[in-house]
Amino acid sequence: MTAPRAGVEPWDTEWAAEQARRALEWLARNYPKCAGSELLREHDKAADEAAAAGDEAGYLEALRDLFRAGRDEALRIRQGAA
């Protein structure tokens, strides 16, 4: 593990990886048709950026946005199939 940058609290990469794993498993279990959708990329990117900045609150919000986007995409797919 590298030394923390001055003025920045250390980022717990194991915690972050666990949160991401849980988020992706939840999406795959609840909305399997959209779990790998390109529409979710912007939320993945936001989570990556928050992680790179060591922004725990921003990281969690990006994961919540990922959930919402997955749900919305699944609903759109279902409505299109009807």
Protein backbone atom coordinates (compact mmCIF):
# COMPACT_ATOMS: atom_id res chain seq x y z
CA MET A 1 0.00 0.00 0.00
CA THR A 2 1.31 3.46 -0.81
CA ALA A 3 1.67 6.23 1.73
CA PRO A 4 -1.33 8.59 1.94
CA ARG A 5 -1.03 11.96 0.24
CA ALA A 6 -0.61 14.96 2.53
CA GLY A 7 -3.99 16.25 3.73
CA VAL A 8 -5.90 13.25 2.39
CA GLU A 9 -7.19 10.46 4.57
CA PRO A 10 -6.15 6.96 3.50
CA TRP A 11 -8.53 5.23 1.12
CA ASP A 12 -9.61 1.75 2.18
CA THR A 13 -9.38 -0.11 -1.11
CA GLU A 14 -10.68 -3.36 0.39
CA TRP A 15 -13.81 -1.58 1.63
CA ALA A 16 -14.28 0.11 -1.76
CA ALA A 17 -13.85 -3.18 -3.62
CA GLU A 18 -16.37 -4.88 -1.34
CA GLN A 19 -18.92 -2.11 -1.92
CA ALA A 20 -18.45 -2.33 -5.69
CA ARG A 21 -18.70 -6.13 -5.62
CA ARG A 22 -21.93 -5.97 -3.64
CA ALA A 23 -23.37 -3.32 -5.98
CA LEU A 24 -22.59 -5.33 -9.10
CA GLU A 25 -23.90 -8.57 -7.60
CA TRP A 26 -27.12 -6.81 -6.61
CA LEU A 27 -27.58 -5.45 -10.12
CA ALA A 28 -26.84 -8.82 -11.71
CA ARG A 29 -29.26 -10.58 -9.37
CA ASN A 30 -32.12 -8.06 -9.59
CA TYR A 31 -31.69 -6.67 -13.10
CA PRO A 32 -29.63 -9.21 -15.05
CA LYS A 33 -30.53 -7.82 -18.49
CA CYS A 34 -29.03 -4.44 -17.73
CA ALA A 35 -26.12 -5.28 -15.43
CA GLY A 36 -23.57 -4.84 -18.24
CA SER A 37 -25.36 -2.02 -20.05
CA GLU A 38 -23.34 0.78 -21.61
CA LEU A 39 -25.82 3.17 -19.99
CA LEU A 40 -24.25 2.36 -16.62
CA ARG A 41 -20.73 3.34 -17.71
CA GLU A 42 -21.09 6.97 -16.59
CA HIS A 43 -21.94 5.77 -13.07
CA ASP A 44 -18.97 3.39 -13.08
CA LYS A 45 -16.79 6.30 -14.13
CA ALA A 46 -18.19 8.53 -11.37
CA ALA A 47 -17.45 5.82 -8.80
CA ASP A 48 -13.91 5.44 -10.15
CA GLU A 49 -13.34 9.18 -9.97
CA ALA A 50 -14.64 9.36 -6.41
CA ALA A 51 -12.42 6.43 -5.44
CA ALA A 52 -9.39 8.10 -7.01
CA ALA A 53 -10.15 11.24 -4.99
CA GLY A 54 -10.67 9.24 -1.78
CA ASP A 55 -14.23 10.60 -1.58
CA GLU A 56 -16.15 7.97 0.38
CA ALA A 57 -19.46 9.87 0.31
CA GLY A 58 -19.14 10.51 -3.43
CA TYR A 59 -18.24 6.88 -4.02
CA LEU A 60 -21.33 5.64 -2.19
CA GLU A 61 -23.53 8.15 -4.01
CA ALA A 62 -22.12 6.97 -7.36
CA LEU A 63 -22.98 3.38 -6.41
CA ARG A 64 -26.52 4.47 -5.45
CA ASP A 65 -26.80 6.20 -8.82
CA LEU A 66 -25.65 2.95 -10.42
CA PHE A 67 -28.49 1.10 -8.66
CA ARG A 68 -31.04 3.67 -9.82
CA ALA A 69 -29.77 3.65 -13.38
CA GLY A 70 -29.87 -0.15 -13.45
CA ARG A 71 -33.41 -0.18 -12.16
CA ASP A 72 -34.50 2.50 -14.64
CA GLU A 73 -32.88 0.64 -17.54
CA ALA A 74 -34.57 -2.62 -16.49
CA LEU A 75 -37.95 -0.87 -16.38
CA ARG A 76 -37.31 0.62 -19.83
CA ILE A 77 -36.44 -2.82 -21.19
CA ARG A 78 -39.56 -4.35 -19.66
CA GLN A 79 -41.79 -1.61 -21.04
CA GLY A 80 -40.27 -2.07 -24.48
CA ALA A 81 -40.98 -5.81 -24.35
CA ALA A 82 -44.64 -5.29 -23.46
